């Protein structure tokens, strides 16, 4: 019986290692700056060519952040491959960070600066 308990514990631990965990590691400074402007970082994902992808929510809308390999710059928005495929769309579906609404949203009153400003 103790052997089965240990196997179950190891299996659960291995499964948890595969879950996206942003809080387990320190966020890069450039991503922290975006977070300070009101974005909530909800996950991390693989991105091509040395970019590091972060899923975020800002004003209840899903968004993709891409950290450059040097860690100094963040790109916001959709990323397309050479065939015109929206790579960010796949990330949003995977992370569950989409919010589809065509209605304009009122800007909340906040002392935080807008992300694009």
PDB file of N, CA and C in Angstrom:
ATOM      1  N   UNK A   1       0.806  -1.196   0.000  1.00  0.00           N
ATOM      2  CA  UNK A   1       0.000   0.000   0.000  1.00  0.00           C
ATOM      3  C   UNK A   1       0.853   1.265   0.000  1.00  0.00           C
ATOM      4  N   UNK A   2       1.909   1.341   0.851  1.00  0.00           N
ATOM      5  CA  UNK A   2       2.745   2.547   0.818  1.00  0.00           C
ATOM      6  C   UNK A   2       3.397   2.749  -0.553  1.00  0.00           C
ATOM      7  N   UNK A   3       3.734   1.656  -1.233  1.00  0.00           N
ATOM      8  CA  UNK A   3       4.345   1.764  -2.563  1.00  0.00           C
ATOM      9  C   UNK A   3       3.372   2.422  -3.545  1.00  0.00           C
ATOM     10  N   UNK A   4       2.099   2.034  -3.492  1.00  0.00           N
ATOM     11  CA  UNK A   4       1.088   2.628  -4.363  1.00  0.00           C
ATOM     12  C   UNK A   4       0.932   4.112  -4.067  1.00  0.00           C
ATOM     13  N   UNK A   5       0.946   4.484  -2.799  1.00  0.00           N
ATOM     14  CA  UNK A   5       0.825   5.888  -2.410  1.00  0.00           C
ATOM     15  C   UNK A   5       1.994   6.706  -2.971  1.00  0.00           C
ATOM     16  N   UNK A   6       3.200   6.141  -2.908  1.00  0.00           N
ATOM     17  CA  UNK A   6       4.371   6.838  -3.442  1.00  0.00           C
ATOM     18  C   UNK A   6       4.280   6.992  -4.956  1.00  0.00           C
ATOM     19  N   UNK A   7       3.791   5.944  -5.637  1.00  0.00           N
ATOM     20  CA  UNK A   7       3.623   6.032  -7.090  1.00  0.00           C
ATOM     21  C   UNK A   7       2.602   7.099  -7.464  1.00  0.00           C
ATOM     22  N   UNK A   8       1.505   7.158  -6.716  1.00  0.00           N
ATOM     23  CA  UNK A   8       0.487   8.177  -6.983  1.00  0.00           C
ATOM     24  C   UNK A   8       1.044   9.574  -6.741  1.00  0.00           C
ATOM     25  N   UNK A   9       1.806   9.729  -5.678  1.00  0.00           N
ATOM     26  CA  UNK A   9       2.404  11.033  -5.368  1.00  0.00           C
ATOM     27  C   UNK A   9       3.375  11.449  -6.461  1.00  0.00           C
ATOM     28  N   UNK A  10       4.210  10.521  -6.914  1.00  0.00           N
ATOM     29  CA  UNK A  10       5.151  10.833  -7.997  1.00  0.00           C
ATOM     30  C   UNK A  10       4.426  11.164  -9.295  1.00  0.00           C
ATOM     31  N   UNK A  11       3.370  10.424  -9.597  1.00  0.00           N
ATOM     32  CA  UNK A  11       2.607  10.686 -10.822  1.00  0.00           C
ATOM     33  C   UNK A  11       1.961  12.064 -10.786  1.00  0.00           C
ATOM     34  N   UNK A  12       1.371  12.418  -9.651  1.00  0.00           N
ATOM     35  CA  UNK A  12       0.754  13.734  -9.509  1.00  0.00           C
ATOM     36  C   UNK A  12       1.797  14.827  -9.619  1.00  0.00           C
ATOM     37  N   UNK A  13       2.941  14.645  -8.981  1.00  0.00           N
ATOM     38  CA  UNK A  13       4.022  15.629  -9.063  1.00  0.00           C
ATOM     39  C   UNK A  13       4.509  15.823 -10.481  1.00  0.00           C
ATOM     40  N   UNK A  14       4.646  14.725 -11.236  1.00  0.00           N
ATOM     41  CA  UNK A  14       5.087  14.822 -12.629  1.00  0.00           C
ATOM     42  C   UNK A  14       4.052  15.552 -13.472  1.00  0.00           C
ATOM     43  N   UNK A  15       2.780  15.293 -13.217  1.00  0.00           N
ATOM     44  CA  UNK A  15       1.721  15.976 -13.972  1.00  0.00           C
ATOM     45  C   UNK A  15       1.730  17.467 -13.683  1.00  0.00           C
ATOM     46  N   UNK A  16       1.946  17.842 -12.442  1.00  0.00           N
ATOM     47  CA  UNK A  16       1.955  19.259 -12.078  1.00  0.00           C
ATOM     48  C   UNK A  16       3.140  19.997 -12.684  1.00  0.00           C
ATOM     49  N   UNK A  17       4.222  19.304 -12.952  1.00  0.00           N
ATOM     50  CA  UNK A  17       5.383  19.947 -13.568  1.00  0.00           C
ATOM     51  C   UNK A  17       5.082  20.442 -14.976  1.00  0.00           C
ATOM     52  N   UNK A  18       4.104  19.839 -15.643  1.00  0.00           N
ATOM     53  CA  UNK A  18       3.787  20.222 -17.009  1.00  0.00           C
ATOM     54  C   UNK A  18       2.784  21.370 -17.097  1.00  0.00           C
ATOM     55  N   UNK A  19       2.216  21.794 -15.988  1.00  0.00           N
ATOM     56  CA  UNK A  19       1.279  22.915 -16.003  1.00  0.00           C
ATOM     57  C   UNK A  19       2.045  24.226 -16.123  1.00  0.00           C
ATOM     58  N   UNK A  20       1.499  25.209 -16.857  1.00  0.00           N
ATOM     59  CA  UNK A  20       2.185  26.502 -16.933  1.00  0.00           C
ATOM     60  C   UNK A  20       2.215  27.155 -15.566  1.00  0.00           C
ATOM     61  N   UNK A  21       3.373  27.581 -15.170  1.00  0.00           N
ATOM     62  CA  UNK A  21       3.513  28.183 -13.855  1.00  0.00           C
ATOM     63  C   UNK A  21       4.357  29.430 -13.967  1.00  0.00           C
ATOM     64  N   UNK A  22       3.696  30.575 -13.991  1.00  0.00           N
ATOM     65  CA  UNK A  22       4.411  31.832 -14.085  1.00  0.00           C
ATOM     66  C   UNK A  22       4.905  32.262 -12.716  1.00  0.00           C
ATOM     67  N   UNK A  23       4.127  31.965 -11.683  1.00  0.00           N
ATOM     68  CA  UNK A  23       4.473  32.440 -10.357  1.00  0.00           C
ATOM     69  C   UNK A  23       5.658  31.690  -9.763  1.00  0.00           C
ATOM     70  N   UNK A  24       5.957  30.466 -10.264  1.00  0.00           N
ATOM     71  CA  UNK A  24       7.056  29.689  -9.708  1.00  0.00           C
ATOM     72  C   UNK A  24       8.406  30.317 -10.021  1.00  0.00           C
ATOM     73  N   UNK A  25       8.475  31.059 -11.107  1.00  0.00           N
ATOM     74  CA  UNK A  25       9.720  31.725 -11.446  1.00  0.00           C
ATOM     75  C   UNK A  25       9.504  33.231 -11.449  1.00  0.00           C
ATOM     76  N   UNK A  26      10.561  33.941 -11.218  1.00  0.00           N
ATOM     77  CA  UNK A  26      10.507  35.404 -11.205  1.00  0.00           C
ATOM     78  C   UNK A  26      10.259  35.907 -12.631  1.00  0.00           C
ATOM     79  N   UNK A  27       9.314  36.816 -12.771  1.00  0.00           N
ATOM     80  CA  UNK A  27       9.038  37.396 -14.089  1.00  0.00           C
ATOM     81  C   UNK A  27      10.176  38.332 -14.489  1.00  0.00           C
ATOM     82  N   UNK A  28      10.504  38.365 -15.780  1.00  0.00           N
ATOM     83  CA  UNK A  28      11.514  39.321 -16.256  1.00  0.00           C
ATOM     84  C   UNK A  28      11.045  40.760 -16.005  1.00  0.00           C
ATOM     85  N   UNK A  29      11.989  41.654 -15.854  1.00  0.00           N
ATOM     86  CA  UNK A  29      11.682  43.050 -15.515  1.00  0.00           C
ATOM     87  C   UNK A  29      10.748  43.699 -16.538  1.00  0.00           C
ATOM     88  N   UNK A  30      10.972  43.445 -17.828  1.00  0.00           N
ATOM     89  CA  UNK A  30      10.122  44.052 -18.859  1.00  0.00           C
ATOM     90  C   UNK A  30       8.670  43.579 -18.731  1.00  0.00           C
ATOM     91  N   UNK A  31       8.460  42.322 -18.377  1.00  0.00           N
ATOM     92  CA  UNK A  31       7.105  41.800 -18.172  1.00  0.00           C
ATOM     93  C   UNK A  31       6.499  42.395 -16.901  1.00  0.00           C
ATOM     94  N   UNK A  32       7.306  42.574 -15.872  1.00  0.00           N
ATOM     95  CA  UNK A  32       6.824  43.204 -14.639  1.00  0.00           C
ATOM     96  C   UNK A  32       6.307  44.619 -14.906  1.00  0.00           C
ATOM     97  N   UNK A  33       6.959  45.332 -15.824  1.00  0.00           N
ATOM     98  CA  UNK A  33       6.520  46.698 -16.153  1.00  0.00           C
ATOM     99  C   UNK A  33       5.126  46.675 -16.773  1.00  0.00           C
ATOM    100  N   UNK A  34       4.862  45.685 -17.615  1.00  0.00           N
ATOM    101  CA  UNK A  34       3.530  45.547 -18.221  1.00  0.00           C
ATOM    102  C   UNK A  34       2.517  45.174 -17.137  1.00  0.00           C
ATOM    103  N   UNK A  35       2.915  44.298 -16.237  1.00  0.00           N
ATOM    104  CA  UNK A  35       2.047  43.905 -15.131  1.00  0.00           C
ATOM    105  C   UNK A  35       1.718  45.108 -14.250  1.00  0.00           C
ATOM    106  N   UNK A  36       2.689  45.987 -14.055  1.00  0.00           N
ATOM    107  CA  UNK A  36       2.473  47.186 -13.237  1.00  0.00           C
ATOM    108  C   UNK A  36       1.474  48.144 -13.873  1.00  0.00           C
ATOM    109  N   UNK A  37       1.285  48.037 -15.183  1.00  0.00           N
ATOM    110  CA  UNK A  37       0.311  48.887 -15.873  1.00  0.00           C
ATOM    111  C   UNK A  37      -1.092  48.290 -15.848  1.00  0.00           C
ATOM    112  N   UNK A  38      -1.250  47.146 -15.171  1.00  0.00           N
ATOM    113  CA  UNK A  38      -2.587  46.588 -14.992  1.00  0.00           C
ATOM    114  C   UNK A  38      -2.835  45.248 -15.654  1.00  0.00           C
ATOM    115  N   UNK A  39      -1.889  44.721 -16.399  1.00  0.00           N
ATOM    116  CA  UNK A  39      -2.077  43.414 -17.025  1.00  0.00           C
ATOM    117  C   UNK A  39      -1.868  42.323 -15.983  1.00  0.00           C
ATOM    118  N   UNK A  40      -2.661  41.275 -16.085  1.00  0.00           N
ATOM    119  CA  UNK A  40      -2.511  40.119 -15.202  1.00  0.00           C
ATOM    120  C   UNK A  40      -1.882  39.004 -16.027  1.00  0.00           C
ATOM    121  N   UNK A  41      -0.704  38.555 -15.627  1.00  0.00           N
ATOM    122  CA  UNK A  41      -0.021  37.479 -16.333  1.00  0.00           C
ATOM    123  C   UNK A  41      -0.648  36.167 -15.881  1.00  0.00           C
ATOM    124  N   UNK A  42      -1.199  35.404 -16.846  1.00  0.00           N
ATOM    125  CA  UNK A  42      -1.923  34.187 -16.502  1.00  0.00           C
ATOM    126  C   UNK A  42      -1.200  32.918 -16.938  1.00  0.00           C
ATOM    127  N   UNK A  43      -0.138  33.034 -17.702  1.00  0.00           N
ATOM    128  CA  UNK A  43       0.579  31.845 -18.129  1.00  0.00           C
ATOM    129  C   UNK A  43       1.746  32.175 -19.022  1.00  0.00           C
ATOM    130  N   UNK A  44       2.522  31.164 -19.300  1.00  0.00           N
ATOM    131  CA  UNK A  44       3.669  31.298 -20.192  1.00  0.00           C
ATOM    132  C   UNK A  44       3.537  30.231 -21.269  1.00  0.00           C
ATOM    133  N   UNK A  45       3.986  30.524 -22.482  1.00  0.00           N
ATOM    134  CA  UNK A  45       3.868  29.571 -23.577  1.00  0.00           C
ATOM    135  C   UNK A  45       5.093  29.654 -24.475  1.00  0.00           C
ATOM    136  N   UNK A  46       5.277  28.623 -25.269  1.00  0.00           N
ATOM    137  CA  UNK A  46       6.390  28.577 -26.206  1.00  0.00           C
ATOM    138  C   UNK A  46       6.136  29.528 -27.358  1.00  0.00           C
ATOM    139  N   UNK A  47       7.172  30.211 -27.779  1.00  0.00           N
ATOM    140  CA  UNK A  47       7.097  31.122 -28.919  1.00  0.00           C
ATOM    141  C   UNK A  47       8.337  30.869 -29.786  1.00  0.00           C
ATOM    142  N   UNK A  48       8.257  31.157 -31.070  1.00  0.00           N
ATOM    143  CA  UNK A  48       9.374  30.839 -31.967  1.00  0.00           C
ATOM    144  C   UNK A  48      10.554  31.799 -31.849  1.00  0.00           C
ATOM    145  N   UNK A  49      11.680  31.346 -32.375  1.00  0.00           N
ATOM    146  CA  UNK A  49      12.882  32.159 -32.577  1.00  0.00           C
ATOM    147  C   UNK A  49      13.390  32.880 -31.343  1.00  0.00           C
ATOM    148  N   UNK A  50      13.383  32.201 -30.215  1.00  0.00           N
ATOM    149  CA  UNK A  50      13.956  32.781 -29.009  1.00  0.00           C
ATOM    150  C   UNK A  50      13.032  33.693 -28.233  1.00  0.00           C
ATOM    151  N   UNK A  51      11.849  33.971 -28.762  1.00  0.00           N
ATOM    152  CA  UNK A  51      10.881  34.778 -28.017  1.00  0.00           C
ATOM    153  C   UNK A  51      10.301  33.931 -26.889  1.00  0.00           C
ATOM    154  N   UNK A  52       9.946  34.577 -25.793  1.00  0.00           N
ATOM    155  CA  UNK A  52       9.235  33.912 -24.709  1.00  0.00           C
ATOM    156  C   UNK A  52       7.840  34.502 -24.651  1.00  0.00           C
ATOM    157  N   UNK A  53       6.844  33.643 -24.702  1.00  0.00           N
ATOM    158  CA  UNK A  53       5.470  34.103 -24.733  1.00  0.00           C
ATOM    159  C   UNK A  53       4.825  34.103 -23.365  1.00  0.00           C
ATOM    160  N   UNK A  54       4.027  35.134 -23.122  1.00  0.00           N
ATOM    161  CA  UNK A  54       3.261  35.248 -21.884  1.00  0.00           C
ATOM    162  C   UNK A  54       1.819  35.555 -22.249  1.00  0.00           C
ATOM    163  N   UNK A  55       0.895  34.814 -21.644  1.00  0.00           N
ATOM    164  CA  UNK A  55      -0.527  35.101 -21.807  1.00  0.00           C
ATOM    165  C   UNK A  55      -0.921  36.056 -20.694  1.00  0.00           C
ATOM    166  N   UNK A  56      -1.674  37.077 -21.066  1.00  0.00           N
ATOM    167  CA  UNK A  56      -2.073  38.084 -20.090  1.00  0.00           C
ATOM    168  C   UNK A  56      -3.524  38.470 -20.310  1.00  0.00           C
ATOM    169  N   UNK A  57      -4.095  39.082 -19.295  1.00  0.00           N
ATOM    170  CA  UNK A  57      -5.424  39.677 -19.408  1.00  0.00           C
ATOM    171  C   UNK A  57      -5.301  41.138 -19.010  1.00  0.00           C
ATOM    172  N   UNK A  58      -5.940  41.979 -19.803  1.00  0.00           N
ATOM    173  CA  UNK A  58      -5.957  43.407 -19.534  1.00  0.00           C
ATOM    174  C   UNK A  58      -7.356  43.902 -19.828  1.00  0.00           C
ATOM    175  N   UNK A  59      -7.996  44.489 -18.849  1.00  0.00           N
ATOM    176  CA  UNK A  59      -9.375  44.965 -18.962  1.00  0.00           C
ATOM    177  C   UNK A  59     -10.283  43.855 -19.494  1.00  0.00           C
ATOM    178  N   UNK A  60     -10.134  42.661 -18.924  1.00  0.00           N
ATOM    179  CA  UNK A  60     -10.939  41.475 -19.251  1.00  0.00           C
ATOM    180  C   UNK A  60     -10.767  40.994 -20.686  1.00  0.00           C
ATOM    181  N   UNK A  61      -9.660  41.323 -21.319  1.00  0.00           N
ATOM    182  CA  UNK A  61      -9.390  40.859 -22.683  1.00  0.00           C
ATOM    183  C   UNK A  61      -8.079  40.094 -22.692  1.00  0.00           C
ATOM    184  N   UNK A  62      -8.071  38.982 -23.415  1.00  0.00           N
ATOM    185  CA  UNK A  62      -6.861  38.190 -23.535  1.00  0.00           C
ATOM    186  C   UNK A  62      -5.868  38.868 -24.460  1.00  0.00           C
ATOM    187  N   UNK A  63      -4.592  38.749 -24.132  1.00  0.00           N
ATOM    188  CA  UNK A  63      -3.561  39.327 -24.989  1.00  0.00           C
ATOM    189  C   UNK A  63      -2.294  38.490 -24.875  1.00  0.00           C
ATOM    190  N   UNK A  64      -1.510  38.530 -25.939  1.00  0.00           N
ATOM    191  CA  UNK A  64      -0.242  37.817 -25.974  1.00  0.00           C
ATOM    192  C   UNK A  64       0.897  38.816 -25.843  1.00  0.00           C
ATOM    193  N   UNK A  65       1.858  38.489 -24.999  1.00  0.00           N
ATOM    194  CA  UNK A  65       3.062  39.287 -24.825  1.00  0.00           C
ATOM    195  C   UNK A  65       4.238  38.433 -25.280  1.00  0.00           C
ATOM    196  N   UNK A  66       5.150  39.034 -26.007  1.00  0.00           N
ATOM    197  CA  UNK A  66       6.338  38.321 -26.466  1.00  0.00           C
ATOM    198  C   UNK A  66       7.577  39.057 -25.975  1.00  0.00           C
ATOM    199  N   UNK A  67       8.360  38.383 -25.148  1.00  0.00           N
ATOM    200  CA  UNK A  67       9.596  38.945 -24.614  1.00  0.00           C
ATOM    201  C   UNK A  67      10.728  38.612 -25.577  1.00  0.00           C
ATOM    202  N   UNK A  68      11.496  39.633 -25.966  1.00  0.00           N
ATOM    203  CA  UNK A  68      12.615  39.412 -26.879  1.00  0.00           C
ATOM    204  C   UNK A  68      13.708  38.609 -26.173  1.00  0.00           C
ATOM    205  N   UNK A  69      14.565  37.937 -26.946  1.00  0.00           N
ATOM    206  CA  UNK A  69      15.603  37.092 -26.340  1.00  0.00           C
ATOM    207  C   UNK A  69      16.511  37.829 -25.359  1.00  0.00           C
ATOM    208  N   UNK A  70      16.739  39.115 -25.566  1.00  0.00           N
ATOM    209  CA  UNK A  70      17.597  39.861 -24.633  1.00  0.00           C
ATOM    210  C   UNK A  70      16.856  40.254 -23.349  1.00  0.00           C
ATOM    211  N   UNK A  71      15.541  40.027 -23.303  1.00  0.00           N
ATOM    212  CA  UNK A  71      14.755  40.316 -22.104  1.00  0.00           C
ATOM    213  C   UNK A  71      14.455  41.784 -21.885  1.00  0.00           C
ATOM    214  N   UNK A  72      14.782  42.627 -22.854  1.00  0.00           N
ATOM    215  CA  UNK A  72      14.634  44.070 -22.669  1.00  0.00           C
ATOM    216  C   UNK A  72      13.390  44.665 -23.322  1.00  0.00           C
ATOM    217  N   UNK A  73      12.749  43.924 -24.217  1.00  0.00           N
ATOM    218  CA  UNK A  73      11.610  44.473 -24.955  1.00  0.00           C
ATOM    219  C   UNK A  73      10.451  43.491 -24.951  1.00  0.00           C
ATOM    220  N   UNK A  74       9.237  44.045 -24.960  1.00  0.00           N
ATOM    221  CA  UNK A  74       8.027  43.243 -25.002  1.00  0.00           C
ATOM    222  C   UNK A  74       7.194  43.694 -26.196  1.00  0.00           C
ATOM    223  N   UNK A  75       6.786  42.730 -27.001  1.00  0.00           N
ATOM    224  CA  UNK A  75       5.885  42.984 -28.126  1.00  0.00           C
ATOM    225  C   UNK A  75       4.494  42.525 -27.706  1.00  0.00           C
ATOM    226  N   UNK A  76       3.476  43.319 -28.026  1.00  0.00           N
ATOM    227  CA  UNK A  76       2.088  42.983 -27.701  1.00  0.00           C
ATOM    228  C   UNK A  76       1.321  42.748 -28.988  1.00  0.00           C
ATOM    229  N   UNK A  77       0.508  41.709 -29.010  1.00  0.00           N
ATOM    230  CA  UNK A  77      -0.354  41.502 -30.167  1.00  0.00           C
ATOM    231  C   UNK A  77      -0.214  40.128 -30.765  1.00  0.00           C
ATOM    232  N   UNK A  78      -0.702  40.009 -31.991  1.00  0.00           N
ATOM    233  CA  UNK A  78      -0.701  38.729 -32.675  1.00  0.00           C
ATOM    234  C   UNK A  78       0.624  38.484 -33.378  1.00  0.00           C
ATOM    235  N   UNK A  79       1.017  37.227 -33.429  1.00  0.00           N
ATOM    236  CA  UNK A  79       2.242  36.816 -34.105  1.00  0.00           C
ATOM    237  C   UNK A  79       1.851  35.882 -35.238  1.00  0.00           C
ATOM    238  N   UNK A  80       2.302  36.191 -36.444  1.00  0.00           N
ATOM    239  CA  UNK A  80       1.966  35.404 -37.626  1.00  0.00           C
ATOM    240  C   UNK A  80       3.212  34.728 -38.171  1.00  0.00           C
ATOM    241  N   UNK A  81       3.034  33.515 -38.715  1.00  0.00           N
ATOM    242  CA  UNK A  81       4.154  32.841 -39.360  1.00  0.00           C
ATOM    243  C   UNK A  81       4.187  33.205 -40.845  1.00  0.00           C
ATOM    244  N   UNK A  82       5.146  32.616 -41.579  1.00  0.00           N
ATOM    245  CA  UNK A  82       5.332  32.962 -42.992  1.00  0.00           C
ATOM    246  C   UNK A  82       4.163  32.542 -43.872  1.00  0.00           C
ATOM    247  N   UNK A  83       3.287  31.672 -43.370  1.00  0.00           N
ATOM    248  CA  UNK A  83       2.114  31.233 -44.126  1.00  0.00           C
ATOM    249  C   UNK A  83       0.866  32.034 -43.778  1.00  0.00           C
ATOM    250  N   UNK A  84       1.020  32.990 -42.884  1.00  0.00           N
ATOM    251  CA  UNK A  84      -0.118  33.816 -42.485  1.00  0.00           C
ATOM    252  C   UNK A  84      -0.936  33.228 -41.351  1.00  0.00           C
ATOM    253  N   UNK A  85      -0.454  32.160 -40.737  1.00  0.00           N
ATOM    254  CA  UNK A  85      -1.165  31.558 -39.603  1.00  0.00           C
ATOM    255  C   UNK A  85      -0.960  32.407 -38.351  1.00  0.00           C
ATOM    256  N   UNK A  86      -2.049  32.671 -37.659  1.00  0.00           N
ATOM    257  CA  UNK A  86      -2.008  33.451 -36.424  1.00  0.00           C
ATOM    258  C   UNK A  86      -1.582  32.530 -35.282  1.00  0.00           C
ATOM    259  N   UNK A  87      -0.315  32.601 -34.895  1.00  0.00           N
ATOM    260  CA  UNK A  87       0.205  31.764 -33.821  1.00  0.00           C
ATOM    261  C   UNK A  87      -0.373  32.165 -32.472  1.00  0.00           C
ATOM    262  N   UNK A  88      -0.744  33.408 -32.316  1.00  0.00           N
ATOM    263  CA  UNK A  88      -1.314  33.895 -31.057  1.00  0.00           C
ATOM    264  C   UNK A  88      -2.700  33.310 -30.826  1.00  0.00           C
ATOM    265  N   UNK A  89      -3.427  33.046 -31.892  1.00  0.00           N
ATOM    266  CA  UNK A  89      -4.770  32.484 -31.769  1.00  0.00           C
ATOM    267  C   UNK A  89      -4.706  31.113 -31.099  1.00  0.00           C
ATOM    268  N   UNK A  90      -3.719  30.325 -31.486  1.00  0.00           N
ATOM    269  CA  UNK A  90      -3.548  29.009 -30.888  1.00  0.00           C
ATOM    270  C   UNK A  90      -3.224  29.143 -29.393  1.00  0.00           C
ATOM    271  N   UNK A  91      -2.390  30.129 -29.049  1.00  0.00           N
ATOM    272  CA  UNK A  91      -2.041  30.355 -27.648  1.00  0.00           C
ATOM    273  C   UNK A  91      -3.276  30.728 -26.850  1.00  0.00           C
ATOM    274  N   UNK A  92      -4.092  31.627 -27.387  1.00  0.00           N
ATOM    275  CA  UNK A  92      -5.280  32.060 -26.649  1.00  0.00           C
ATOM    276  C   UNK A  92      -6.228  30.894 -26.414  1.00  0.00           C
ATOM    277  N   UNK A  93      -6.365  30.019 -27.403  1.00  0.00           N
ATOM    278  CA  UNK A  93      -7.235  28.860 -27.240  1.00  0.00           C
ATOM    279  C   UNK A  93      -6.674  27.911 -26.192  1.00  0.00           C
ATOM    280  N   UNK A  94      -5.371  27.731 -26.191  1.00  0.00           N
ATOM    281  CA  UNK A  94      -4.728  26.845 -25.234  1.00  0.00           C
ATOM    282  C   UNK A  94      -4.803  27.389 -23.818  1.00  0.00           C
ATOM    283  N   UNK A  95      -4.529  28.681 -23.658  1.00  0.00           N
ATOM    284  CA  UNK A  95      -4.483  29.280 -22.331  1.00  0.00           C
ATOM    285  C   UNK A  95      -5.867  29.682 -21.834  1.00  0.00           C
ATOM    286  N   UNK A  96      -6.865  29.706 -22.708  1.00  0.00           N
ATOM    287  CA  UNK A  96      -8.196  30.118 -22.292  1.00  0.00           C
ATOM    288  C   UNK A  96      -8.273  31.593 -21.976  1.00  0.00           C
ATOM    289  N   UNK A  97      -7.432  32.396 -22.650  1.00  0.00           N
ATOM    290  CA  UNK A  97      -7.365  33.824 -22.335  1.00  0.00           C
ATOM    291  C   UNK A  97      -8.143  34.669 -23.332  1.00  0.00           C
ATOM    292  N   UNK A  98      -9.081  34.077 -24.061  1.00  0.00           N
ATOM    293  CA  UNK A  98      -9.808  34.868 -25.041  1.00  0.00           C
ATOM    294  C   UNK A  98     -11.038  35.500 -24.423  1.00  0.00           C
ATOM    295  N   UNK A  99     -11.404  36.614 -24.955  1.00  0.00           N
ATOM    296  CA  UNK A  99     -12.633  37.291 -24.562  1.00  0.00           C
ATOM    297  C   UNK A  99     -13.159  37.965 -25.813  1.00  0.00           C
ATOM    298  N   UNK A 100     -14.170  37.359 -26.444  1.00  0.00           N
ATOM    299  CA  UNK A 100     -14.669  37.911 -27.699  1.00  0.00           C
ATOM    300  C   UNK A 100     -15.882  38.782 -27.427  1.00  0.00           C
ATOM    301  N   UNK A 101     -15.711  40.035 -27.656  1.00  0.00           N
ATOM    302  CA  UNK A 101     -16.805  40.977 -27.497  1.00  0.00           C
ATOM    303  C   UNK A 101     -16.560  42.138 -28.436  1.00  0.00           C
ATOM    304  N   UNK A 102     -17.536  42.459 -29.237  1.00  0.00           N
ATOM    305  CA  UNK A 102     -17.377  43.587 -30.152  1.00  0.00           C
ATOM    306  C   UNK A 102     -17.816  44.894 -29.514  1.00  0.00           C
ATOM    307  N   UNK A 103     -18.437  44.801 -28.342  1.00  0.00           N
ATOM    308  CA  UNK A 103     -18.884  46.022 -27.673  1.00  0.00           C
ATOM    309  C   UNK A 103     -17.687  46.752 -27.084  1.00  0.00           C
ATOM    310  N   UNK A 104     -17.633  48.067 -27.269  1.00  0.00           N
ATOM    311  CA  UNK A 104     -16.534  48.810 -26.663  1.00  0.00           C
ATOM    312  C   UNK A 104     -16.634  48.768 -25.146  1.00  0.00           C
ATOM    313  N   UNK A 105     -15.484  48.742 -24.511  1.00  0.00           N
ATOM    314  CA  UNK A 105     -15.447  48.675 -23.054  1.00  0.00           C
ATOM    315  C   UNK A 105     -15.098  50.034 -22.486  1.00  0.00           C
ATOM    316  N   UNK A 106     -15.757  50.362 -21.396  1.00  0.00           N
ATOM    317  CA  UNK A 106     -15.434  51.615 -20.718  1.00  0.00           C
ATOM    318  C   UNK A 106     -14.089  51.454 -20.026  1.00  0.00           C
ATOM    319  N   UNK A 107     -13.271  52.442 -20.098  1.00  0.00           N
ATOM    320  CA  UNK A 107     -11.966  52.406 -19.442  1.00  0.00           C
ATOM    321  C   UNK A 107     -12.176  52.578 -17.938  1.00  0.00           C
ATOM    322  N   UNK A 108     -11.664  51.627 -17.149  1.00  0.00           N
ATOM    323  CA  UNK A 108     -11.840  51.758 -15.703  1.00  0.00           C
ATOM    324  C   UNK A 108     -11.022  52.931 -15.180  1.00  0.00           C
ATOM    325  N   UNK A 109     -11.535  53.544 -14.147  1.00  0.00           N
ATOM    326  CA  UNK A 109     -10.766  54.635 -13.556  1.00  0.00           C
ATOM    327  C   UNK A 109      -9.639  54.015 -12.755  1.00  0.00           C
ATOM    328  N   UNK A 110      -8.430  54.333 -13.145  1.00  0.00           N
ATOM    329  CA  UNK A 110      -7.257  53.744 -12.522  1.00  0.00           C
ATOM    330  C   UNK A 110      -6.102  54.706 -12.647  1.00  0.00           C
ATOM    331  N   UNK A 111      -5.198  54.633 -11.698  1.00  0.00           N
ATOM    332  CA  UNK A 111      -4.018  55.478 -11.774  1.00  0.00           C
ATOM    333  C   UNK A 111      -2.949  54.835 -12.631  1.00  0.00           C
ATOM    334  N   UNK A 112      -3.182  53.604 -13.069  1.00  0.00           N
ATOM    335  CA  UNK A 112      -2.197  52.916 -13.884  1.00  0.00           C
ATOM    336  C   UNK A 112      -2.257  53.428 -15.313  1.00  0.00           C
ATOM    337  N   UNK A 113      -1.080  53.582 -15.918  1.00  0.00           N
ATOM    338  CA  UNK A 113      -0.984  54.071 -17.288  1.00  0.00           C
ATOM    339  C   UNK A 113      -1.473  52.983 -18.237  1.00  0.00           C
ATOM    340  N   UNK A 114      -2.049  53.345 -19.386  1.00  0.00           N
ATOM    341  CA  UNK A 114      -2.455  52.345 -20.367  1.00  0.00           C
ATOM    342  C   UNK A 114      -1.218  51.595 -20.877  1.00  0.00           C
ATOM    343  N   UNK A 115      -1.424  50.356 -21.250  1.00  0.00           N
ATOM    344  CA  UNK A 115      -0.313  49.522 -21.700  1.00  0.00           C
ATOM    345  C   UNK A 115       0.349  50.099 -22.953  1.00  0.00           C
ATOM    346  N   UNK A 116      -0.430  50.637 -23.857  1.00  0.00           N
ATOM    347  CA  UNK A 116       0.153  51.128 -25.104  1.00  0.00           C
ATOM    348  C   UNK A 116       0.623  52.580 -24.993  1.00  0.00           C
ATOM    349  N   UNK A 117       0.651  53.120 -23.817  1.00  0.00           N
ATOM    350  CA  UNK A 117       1.035  54.524 -23.708  1.00  0.00           C
ATOM    351  C   UNK A 117       2.167  54.813 -22.811  1.00  0.00           C
TER     352      UNK A 117
END
